[in-house]
Amino acid sequence: MSERETFMPDEVLAASLAKKGPKQYTLWVDLEYCVGCHACTMACKAENNTPLGVDYNRVTEVEIGEFKDPQKSPDVRVYFIPMPCMH
């Protein structure tokens, strides 16, 4: 199985290409690889030339877990969720 087939099986790709009418595109954001660098926010800001204080793309930080006992290892995870406007 090729790398592309792990994301989209050949049947799905063939069915999508066979559809009539305008093509619809999507943006895939793999949250396991987002490290919260805000590069997507800066790229969107540069591309759309937005003024200060206006961001079409935001990155939210979500912290899950607790750190109660300093004798034990913490059970805390941080996830970054990019939220593009998709316009």
PDB file of N, CA and C in Angstrom:
ATOM      1  N   MET A   1       0.854  -1.182   0.000  1.00  0.00           N
ATOM      2  CA  MET A   1       0.000   0.000   0.000  1.00  0.00           C
ATOM      3  C   MET A   1       0.894   1.239   0.000  1.00  0.00           C
ATOM      4  N   SER A   2       0.617   2.149  -0.917  1.00  0.00           N
ATOM      5  CA  SER A   2       1.422   3.364  -1.009  1.00  0.00           C
ATOM      6  C   SER A   2       1.034   4.341   0.094  1.00  0.00           C
ATOM      7  N   GLU A   3       1.874   5.347   0.276  1.00  0.00           N
ATOM      8  CA  GLU A   3       1.603   6.352   1.313  1.00  0.00           C
ATOM      9  C   GLU A   3       0.301   7.097   1.032  1.00  0.00           C
ATOM     10  N   ARG A   4       0.034   7.375  -0.245  1.00  0.00           N
ATOM     11  CA  ARG A   4      -1.197   8.076  -0.600  1.00  0.00           C
ATOM     12  C   ARG A   4      -2.420   7.230  -0.276  1.00  0.00           C
ATOM     13  N   GLU A   5      -2.338   5.922  -0.485  1.00  0.00           N
ATOM     14  CA  GLU A   5      -3.475   5.034  -0.239  1.00  0.00           C
ATOM     15  C   GLU A   5      -3.819   4.937   1.235  1.00  0.00           C
ATOM     16  N   THR A   6      -2.886   5.216   2.129  1.00  0.00           N
ATOM     17  CA  THR A   6      -3.216   5.192   3.550  1.00  0.00           C
ATOM     18  C   THR A   6      -4.152   6.335   3.911  1.00  0.00           C
ATOM     19  N   PHE A   7      -4.114   7.424   3.133  1.00  0.00           N
ATOM     20  CA  PHE A   7      -4.982   8.561   3.395  1.00  0.00           C
ATOM     21  C   PHE A   7      -6.260   8.514   2.565  1.00  0.00           C
ATOM     22  N   MET A   8      -6.160   8.013   1.336  1.00  0.00           N
ATOM     23  CA  MET A   8      -7.322   7.983   0.447  1.00  0.00           C
ATOM     24  C   MET A   8      -7.249   6.725  -0.414  1.00  0.00           C
ATOM     25  N   PRO A   9      -8.152   5.778  -0.190  1.00  0.00           N
ATOM     26  CA  PRO A   9      -8.153   4.567  -1.012  1.00  0.00           C
ATOM     27  C   PRO A   9      -8.413   4.894  -2.482  1.00  0.00           C
ATOM     28  N   ASP A  10      -7.941   4.020  -3.376  1.00  0.00           N
ATOM     29  CA  ASP A  10      -8.100   4.245  -4.813  1.00  0.00           C
ATOM     30  C   ASP A  10      -9.555   4.382  -5.222  1.00  0.00           C
ATOM     31  N   GLU A  11     -10.461   3.639  -4.570  1.00  0.00           N
ATOM     32  CA  GLU A  11     -11.881   3.708  -4.922  1.00  0.00           C
ATOM     33  C   GLU A  11     -12.451   5.095  -4.634  1.00  0.00           C
ATOM     34  N   VAL A  12     -12.048   5.677  -3.518  1.00  0.00           N
ATOM     35  CA  VAL A  12     -12.534   7.001  -3.144  1.00  0.00           C
ATOM     36  C   VAL A  12     -12.000   8.047  -4.114  1.00  0.00           C
ATOM     37  N   LEU A  13     -10.738   7.941  -4.468  1.00  0.00           N
ATOM     38  CA  LEU A  13     -10.139   8.870  -5.421  1.00  0.00           C
ATOM     39  C   LEU A  13     -10.819   8.771  -6.782  1.00  0.00           C
ATOM     40  N   ALA A  14     -11.054   7.551  -7.272  1.00  0.00           N
ATOM     41  CA  ALA A  14     -11.705   7.353  -8.569  1.00  0.00           C
ATOM     42  C   ALA A  14     -13.126   7.915  -8.553  1.00  0.00           C
ATOM     43  N   ALA A  15     -13.867   7.689  -7.482  1.00  0.00           N
ATOM     44  CA  ALA A  15     -15.231   8.206  -7.382  1.00  0.00           C
ATOM     45  C   ALA A  15     -15.232   9.727  -7.345  1.00  0.00           C
ATOM     46  N   SER A  16     -14.267  10.308  -6.672  1.00  0.00           N
ATOM     47  CA  SER A  16     -14.181  11.765  -6.586  1.00  0.00           C
ATOM     48  C   SER A  16     -13.868  12.378  -7.946  1.00  0.00           C
ATOM     49  N   LEU A  17     -12.957  11.769  -8.688  1.00  0.00           N
ATOM     50  CA  LEU A  17     -12.589  12.289  -9.999  1.00  0.00           C
ATOM     51  C   LEU A  17     -13.697  12.092 -11.030  1.00  0.00           C
ATOM     52  N   ALA A  18     -14.574  11.111 -10.825  1.00  0.00           N
ATOM     53  CA  ALA A  18     -15.655  10.832 -11.771  1.00  0.00           C
ATOM     54  C   ALA A  18     -16.840  11.781 -11.597  1.00  0.00           C
ATOM     55  N   LYS A  19     -16.923  12.480 -10.483  1.00  0.00           N
ATOM     56  CA  LYS A  19     -18.048  13.391 -10.239  1.00  0.00           C
ATOM     57  C   LYS A  19     -18.031  14.544 -11.234  1.00  0.00           C
ATOM     58  N   LYS A  20     -19.221  14.935 -11.655  1.00  0.00           N
ATOM     59  CA  LYS A  20     -19.372  16.088 -12.546  1.00  0.00           C
ATOM     60  C   LYS A  20     -19.478  17.360 -11.720  1.00  0.00           C
ATOM     61  N   GLY A  21     -19.168  18.472 -12.330  1.00  0.00           N
ATOM     62  CA  GLY A  21     -19.303  19.758 -11.653  1.00  0.00           C
ATOM     63  C   GLY A  21     -17.975  20.243 -11.105  1.00  0.00           C
ATOM     64  N   PRO A  22     -18.015  21.371 -10.395  1.00  0.00           N
ATOM     65  CA  PRO A  22     -16.773  21.948  -9.875  1.00  0.00           C
ATOM     66  C   PRO A  22     -16.159  21.074  -8.781  1.00  0.00           C
ATOM     67  N   LYS A  23     -14.851  21.079  -8.745  1.00  0.00           N
ATOM     68  CA  LYS A  23     -14.142  20.308  -7.720  1.00  0.00           C
ATOM     69  C   LYS A  23     -14.174  21.061  -6.397  1.00  0.00           C
ATOM     70  N   GLN A  24     -14.225  20.316  -5.316  1.00  0.00           N
ATOM     71  CA  GLN A  24     -14.173  20.901  -3.987  1.00  0.00           C
ATOM     72  C   GLN A  24     -12.886  20.445  -3.334  1.00  0.00           C
ATOM     73  N   TYR A  25     -12.176  21.392  -2.766  1.00  0.00           N
ATOM     74  CA  TYR A  25     -10.911  21.089  -2.113  1.00  0.00           C
ATOM     75  C   TYR A  25     -11.089  21.181  -0.605  1.00  0.00           C
ATOM     76  N   THR A  26     -10.200  20.534   0.098  1.00  0.00           N
ATOM     77  CA  THR A  26     -10.269  20.561   1.554  1.00  0.00           C
ATOM     78  C   THR A  26      -8.860  20.756   2.119  1.00  0.00           C
ATOM     79  N   LEU A  27      -8.802  21.114   3.367  1.00  0.00           N
ATOM     80  CA  LEU A  27      -7.535  21.289   4.064  1.00  0.00           C
ATOM     81  C   LEU A  27      -7.459  20.240   5.161  1.00  0.00           C
ATOM     82  N   TRP A  28      -6.408  19.455   5.138  1.00  0.00           N
ATOM     83  CA  TRP A  28      -6.230  18.388   6.121  1.00  0.00           C
ATOM     84  C   TRP A  28      -5.189  18.859   7.124  1.00  0.00           C
ATOM     85  N   VAL A  29      -5.539  18.901   8.395  1.00  0.00           N
ATOM     86  CA  VAL A  29      -4.610  19.287   9.450  1.00  0.00           C
ATOM     87  C   VAL A  29      -4.475  18.096  10.387  1.00  0.00           C
ATOM     88  N   ASP A  30      -3.294  17.489  10.418  1.00  0.00           N
ATOM     89  CA  ASP A  30      -3.047  16.351  11.300  1.00  0.00           C
ATOM     90  C   ASP A  30      -2.620  16.899  12.664  1.00  0.00           C
ATOM     91  N   LEU A  31      -3.504  16.785  13.640  1.00  0.00           N
ATOM     92  CA  LEU A  31      -3.264  17.389  14.951  1.00  0.00           C
ATOM     93  C   LEU A  31      -2.128  16.724  15.722  1.00  0.00           C
ATOM     94  N   GLU A  32      -1.757  15.506  15.345  1.00  0.00           N
ATOM     95  CA  GLU A  32      -0.651  14.849  16.040  1.00  0.00           C
ATOM     96  C   GLU A  32       0.680  15.527  15.756  1.00  0.00           C
ATOM     97  N   TYR A  33       0.770  16.251  14.642  1.00  0.00           N
ATOM     98  CA  TYR A  33       2.023  16.880  14.257  1.00  0.00           C
ATOM     99  C   TYR A  33       2.050  18.382  14.519  1.00  0.00           C
ATOM    100  N   CYS A  34       0.957  18.953  14.985  1.00  0.00           N
ATOM    101  CA  CYS A  34       0.931  20.385  15.279  1.00  0.00           C
ATOM    102  C   CYS A  34       1.675  20.641  16.595  1.00  0.00           C
ATOM    103  N   VAL A  35       2.682  21.510  16.551  1.00  0.00           N
ATOM    104  CA  VAL A  35       3.481  21.810  17.734  1.00  0.00           C
ATOM    105  C   VAL A  35       3.214  23.214  18.271  1.00  0.00           C
ATOM    106  N   GLY A  36       2.220  23.890  17.699  1.00  0.00           N
ATOM    107  CA  GLY A  36       1.852  25.214  18.191  1.00  0.00           C
ATOM    108  C   GLY A  36       2.810  26.313  17.784  1.00  0.00           C
ATOM    109  N   CYS A  37       3.418  26.210  16.607  1.00  0.00           N
ATOM    110  CA  CYS A  37       4.415  27.202  16.182  1.00  0.00           C
ATOM    111  C   CYS A  37       3.776  28.461  15.586  1.00  0.00           C
ATOM    112  N   HIS A  38       2.485  28.403  15.271  1.00  0.00           N
ATOM    113  CA  HIS A  38       1.730  29.528  14.704  1.00  0.00           C
ATOM    114  C   HIS A  38       2.212  29.937  13.313  1.00  0.00           C
ATOM    115  N   ALA A  39       2.945  29.067  12.627  1.00  0.00           N
ATOM    116  CA  ALA A  39       3.380  29.376  11.258  1.00  0.00           C
ATOM    117  C   ALA A  39       2.185  29.483  10.324  1.00  0.00           C
ATOM    118  N   CYS A  40       1.151  28.678  10.561  1.00  0.00           N
ATOM    119  CA  CYS A  40      -0.051  28.751   9.721  1.00  0.00           C
ATOM    120  C   CYS A  40      -0.757  30.091   9.913  1.00  0.00           C
ATOM    121  N   THR A  41      -0.755  30.608  11.137  1.00  0.00           N
ATOM    122  CA  THR A  41      -1.370  31.908  11.405  1.00  0.00           C
ATOM    123  C   THR A  41      -0.599  33.014  10.704  1.00  0.00           C
ATOM    124  N   MET A  42       0.718  32.967  10.765  1.00  0.00           N
ATOM    125  CA  MET A  42       1.534  33.991  10.121  1.00  0.00           C
ATOM    126  C   MET A  42       1.429  33.922   8.599  1.00  0.00           C
ATOM    127  N   ALA A  43       1.376  32.701   8.042  1.00  0.00           N
ATOM    128  CA  ALA A  43       1.242  32.553   6.598  1.00  0.00           C
ATOM    129  C   ALA A  43      -0.105  33.082   6.124  1.00  0.00           C
ATOM    130  N   CYS A  44      -1.164  32.800   6.861  1.00  0.00           N
ATOM    131  CA  CYS A  44      -2.501  33.300   6.513  1.00  0.00           C
ATOM    132  C   CYS A  44      -2.539  34.815   6.609  1.00  0.00           C
ATOM    133  N   LYS A  45      -1.918  35.345   7.649  1.00  0.00           N
ATOM    134  CA  LYS A  45      -1.889  36.800   7.847  1.00  0.00           C
ATOM    135  C   LYS A  45      -1.138  37.481   6.700  1.00  0.00           C
ATOM    136  N   ALA A  46      -0.033  36.897   6.278  1.00  0.00           N
ATOM    137  CA  ALA A  46       0.748  37.471   5.185  1.00  0.00           C
ATOM    138  C   ALA A  46       0.003  37.357   3.858  1.00  0.00           C
ATOM    139  N   GLU A  47      -0.656  36.226   3.631  1.00  0.00           N
ATOM    140  CA  GLU A  47      -1.358  36.009   2.364  1.00  0.00           C
ATOM    141  C   GLU A  47      -2.582  36.909   2.232  1.00  0.00           C
ATOM    142  N   ASN A  48      -3.309  37.118   3.323  1.00  0.00           N
ATOM    143  CA  ASN A  48      -4.544  37.899   3.272  1.00  0.00           C
ATOM    144  C   ASN A  48      -4.356  39.359   3.657  1.00  0.00           C
ATOM    145  N   ASN A  49      -3.137  39.735   4.058  1.00  0.00           N
ATOM    146  CA  ASN A  49      -2.812  41.118   4.400  1.00  0.00           C
ATOM    147  C   ASN A  49      -3.803  41.705   5.407  1.00  0.00           C
ATOM    148  N   THR A  50      -4.012  40.986   6.498  1.00  0.00           N
ATOM    149  CA  THR A  50      -4.961  41.437   7.511  1.00  0.00           C
ATOM    150  C   THR A  50      -4.308  42.471   8.426  1.00  0.00           C
ATOM    151  N   PRO A  51      -5.102  43.406   8.964  1.00  0.00           N
ATOM    152  CA  PRO A  51      -4.537  44.411   9.867  1.00  0.00           C
ATOM    153  C   PRO A  51      -4.178  43.811  11.233  1.00  0.00           C
ATOM    154  N   LEU A  52      -3.493  44.595  12.038  1.00  0.00           N
ATOM    155  CA  LEU A  52      -3.126  44.148  13.386  1.00  0.00           C
ATOM    156  C   LEU A  52      -4.378  43.805  14.174  1.00  0.00           C
ATOM    157  N   GLY A  53      -4.315  42.708  14.905  1.00  0.00           N
ATOM    158  CA  GLY A  53      -5.439  42.291  15.733  1.00  0.00           C
ATOM    159  C   GLY A  53      -6.462  41.431  15.015  1.00  0.00           C
ATOM    160  N   VAL A  54      -6.332  41.257  13.706  1.00  0.00           N
ATOM    161  CA  VAL A  54      -7.266  40.433  12.938  1.00  0.00           C
ATOM    162  C   VAL A  54      -6.535  39.187  12.475  1.00  0.00           C
ATOM    163  N   ASP A  55      -6.986  38.024  12.952  1.00  0.00           N
ATOM    164  CA  ASP A  55      -6.395  36.746  12.557  1.00  0.00           C
ATOM    165  C   ASP A  55      -7.497  35.842  12.033  1.00  0.00           C
ATOM    166  N   TYR A  56      -7.375  35.406  10.796  1.00  0.00           N
ATOM    167  CA  TYR A  56      -8.338  34.460  10.249  1.00  0.00           C
ATOM    168  C   TYR A  56      -8.040  33.043  10.731  1.00  0.00           C
ATOM    169  N   ASN A  57      -6.821  32.791  11.120  1.00  0.00           N
ATOM    170  CA  ASN A  57      -6.406  31.464  11.550  1.00  0.00           C
ATOM    171  C   ASN A  57      -5.864  31.575  12.978  1.00  0.00           C
ATOM    172  N   ARG A  58      -6.445  30.803  13.878  1.00  0.00           N
ATOM    173  CA  ARG A  58      -6.003  30.821  15.275  1.00  0.00           C
ATOM    174  C   ARG A  58      -5.506  29.430  15.672  1.00  0.00           C
ATOM    175  N   VAL A  59      -4.647  29.379  16.652  1.00  0.00           N
ATOM    176  CA  VAL A  59      -4.188  28.109  17.207  1.00  0.00           C
ATOM    177  C   VAL A  59      -4.518  28.127  18.694  1.00  0.00           C
ATOM    178  N   THR A  60      -5.359  27.175  19.101  1.00  0.00           N
ATOM    179  CA  THR A  60      -5.789  27.091  20.498  1.00  0.00           C
ATOM    180  C   THR A  60      -4.989  26.004  21.203  1.00  0.00           C
ATOM    181  N   GLU A  61      -4.590  26.286  22.434  1.00  0.00           N
ATOM    182  CA  GLU A  61      -3.843  25.321  23.240  1.00  0.00           C
ATOM    183  C   GLU A  61      -4.789  24.680  24.247  1.00  0.00           C
ATOM    184  N   VAL A  62      -4.828  23.350  24.252  1.00  0.00           N
ATOM    185  CA  VAL A  62      -5.688  22.610  25.173  1.00  0.00           C
ATOM    186  C   VAL A  62      -4.794  21.748  26.054  1.00  0.00           C
ATOM    187  N   GLU A  63      -4.927  21.915  27.359  1.00  0.00           N
ATOM    188  CA  GLU A  63      -4.127  21.149  28.318  1.00  0.00           C
ATOM    189  C   GLU A  63      -5.049  20.170  29.036  1.00  0.00           C
ATOM    190  N   ILE A  64      -4.667  18.893  29.009  1.00  0.00           N
ATOM    191  CA  ILE A  64      -5.491  17.842  29.599  1.00  0.00           C
ATOM    192  C   ILE A  64      -4.669  17.098  30.647  1.00  0.00           C
ATOM    193  N   GLY A  65      -5.275  16.840  31.797  1.00  0.00           N
ATOM    194  CA  GLY A  65      -4.615  16.066  32.839  1.00  0.00           C
ATOM    195  C   GLY A  65      -4.406  16.874  34.098  1.00  0.00           C
ATOM    196  N   GLU A  66      -3.760  16.234  35.066  1.00  0.00           N
ATOM    197  CA  GLU A  66      -3.508  16.877  36.360  1.00  0.00           C
ATOM    198  C   GLU A  66      -2.084  16.589  36.811  1.00  0.00           C
ATOM    199  N   PHE A  67      -1.568  17.496  37.600  1.00  0.00           N
ATOM    200  CA  PHE A  67      -0.260  17.309  38.221  1.00  0.00           C
ATOM    201  C   PHE A  67      -0.440  17.588  39.699  1.00  0.00           C
ATOM    202  N   LYS A  68      -0.716  16.517  40.456  1.00  0.00           N
ATOM    203  CA  LYS A  68      -1.022  16.670  41.880  1.00  0.00           C
ATOM    204  C   LYS A  68       0.174  16.343  42.770  1.00  0.00           C
ATOM    205  N   ASP A  69       0.733  15.170  42.576  1.00  0.00           N
ATOM    206  CA  ASP A  69       1.775  14.677  43.473  1.00  0.00           C
ATOM    207  C   ASP A  69       3.146  14.858  42.842  1.00  0.00           C
ATOM    208  N   PRO A  70       4.025  15.690  43.446  1.00  0.00           N
ATOM    209  CA  PRO A  70       5.362  15.895  42.864  1.00  0.00           C
ATOM    210  C   PRO A  70       6.245  14.641  42.892  1.00  0.00           C
ATOM    211  N   GLN A  71       5.866  13.630  43.681  1.00  0.00           N
ATOM    212  CA  GLN A  71       6.646  12.393  43.756  1.00  0.00           C
ATOM    213  C   GLN A  71       6.381  11.488  42.556  1.00  0.00           C
ATOM    214  N   LYS A  72       5.256  11.705  41.878  1.00  0.00           N
ATOM    215  CA  LYS A  72       4.902  10.892  40.713  1.00  0.00           C
ATOM    216  C   LYS A  72       5.099  11.703  39.448  1.00  0.00           C
ATOM    217  N   SER A  73       5.219  10.994  38.346  1.00  0.00           N
ATOM    218  CA  SER A  73       5.356  11.711  37.074  1.00  0.00           C
ATOM    219  C   SER A  73       4.007  12.333  36.700  1.00  0.00           C
ATOM    220  N   PRO A  74       4.033  13.515  36.108  1.00  0.00           N
ATOM    221  CA  PRO A  74       2.774  14.194  35.787  1.00  0.00           C
ATOM    222  C   PRO A  74       2.013  13.490  34.673  1.00  0.00           C
ATOM    223  N   ASP A  75       0.710  13.561  34.763  1.00  0.00           N
ATOM    224  CA  ASP A  75      -0.163  13.005  33.732  1.00  0.00           C
ATOM    225  C   ASP A  75      -0.828  14.178  33.015  1.00  0.00           C
ATOM    226  N   VAL A  76      -0.004  14.940  32.298  1.00  0.00           N
ATOM    227  CA  VAL A  76      -0.482  16.148  31.622  1.00  0.00           C
ATOM    228  C   VAL A  76      -0.089  16.074  30.150  1.00  0.00           C
ATOM    229  N   ARG A  77      -1.040  16.410  29.283  1.00  0.00           N
ATOM    230  CA  ARG A  77      -0.772  16.471  27.850  1.00  0.00           C
ATOM    231  C   ARG A  77      -1.240  17.814  27.326  1.00  0.00           C
ATOM    232  N   VAL A  78      -0.538  18.327  26.341  1.00  0.00           N
ATOM    233  CA  VAL A  78      -0.917  19.589  25.704  1.00  0.00           C
ATOM    234  C   VAL A  78      -1.156  19.309  24.230  1.00  0.00           C
ATOM    235  N   TYR A  79      -2.296  19.777  23.737  1.00  0.00           N
ATOM    236  CA  TYR A  79      -2.637  19.653  22.334  1.00  0.00           C
ATOM    237  C   TYR A  79      -2.821  21.042  21.758  1.00  0.00           C
ATOM    238  N   PHE A  80      -2.426  21.217  20.523  1.00  0.00           N
ATOM    239  CA  PHE A  80      -2.634  22.469  19.814  1.00  0.00           C
ATOM    240  C   PHE A  80      -3.649  22.217  18.703  1.00  0.00           C
ATOM    241  N   ILE A  81      -4.648  23.045  18.634  1.00  0.00           N
ATOM    242  CA  ILE A  81      -5.711  22.880  17.647  1.00  0.00           C
ATOM    243  C   ILE A  81      -5.745  24.098  16.743  1.00  0.00           C
ATOM    244  N   PRO A  82      -5.261  23.974  15.496  1.00  0.00           N
ATOM    245  CA  PRO A  82      -5.362  25.086  14.562  1.00  0.00           C
ATOM    246  C   PRO A  82      -6.811  25.222  14.093  1.00  0.00           C
ATOM    247  N   MET A  83      -7.306  26.454  14.041  1.00  0.00           N
ATOM    248  CA  MET A  83      -8.683  26.709  13.642  1.00  0.00           C
ATOM    249  C   MET A  83      -8.714  27.690  12.484  1.00  0.00           C
ATOM    250  N   PRO A  84      -8.497  27.187  11.255  1.00  0.00           N
ATOM    251  CA  PRO A  84      -8.582  28.078  10.098  1.00  0.00           C
ATOM    252  C   PRO A  84     -10.023  28.438   9.793  1.00  0.00           C
ATOM    253  N   CYS A  85     -10.224  29.558   9.125  1.00  0.00           N
ATOM    254  CA  CYS A  85     -11.583  30.020   8.849  1.00  0.00           C
ATOM    255  C   CYS A  85     -12.230  29.250   7.710  1.00  0.00           C
ATOM    256  N   MET A  86     -11.453  28.611   6.849  1.00  0.00           N
ATOM    257  CA  MET A  86     -11.954  27.803   5.734  1.00  0.00           C
ATOM    258  C   MET A  86     -12.782  28.606   4.725  1.00  0.00           C
ATOM    259  N   HIS A  87     -12.468  29.871   4.551  1.00  0.00           N
ATOM    260  CA  HIS A  87     -13.240  30.635   3.559  1.00  0.00           C
ATOM    261  C   HIS A  87     -12.678  30.489   2.165  1.00  0.00           C
TER     262      HIS A  87
END
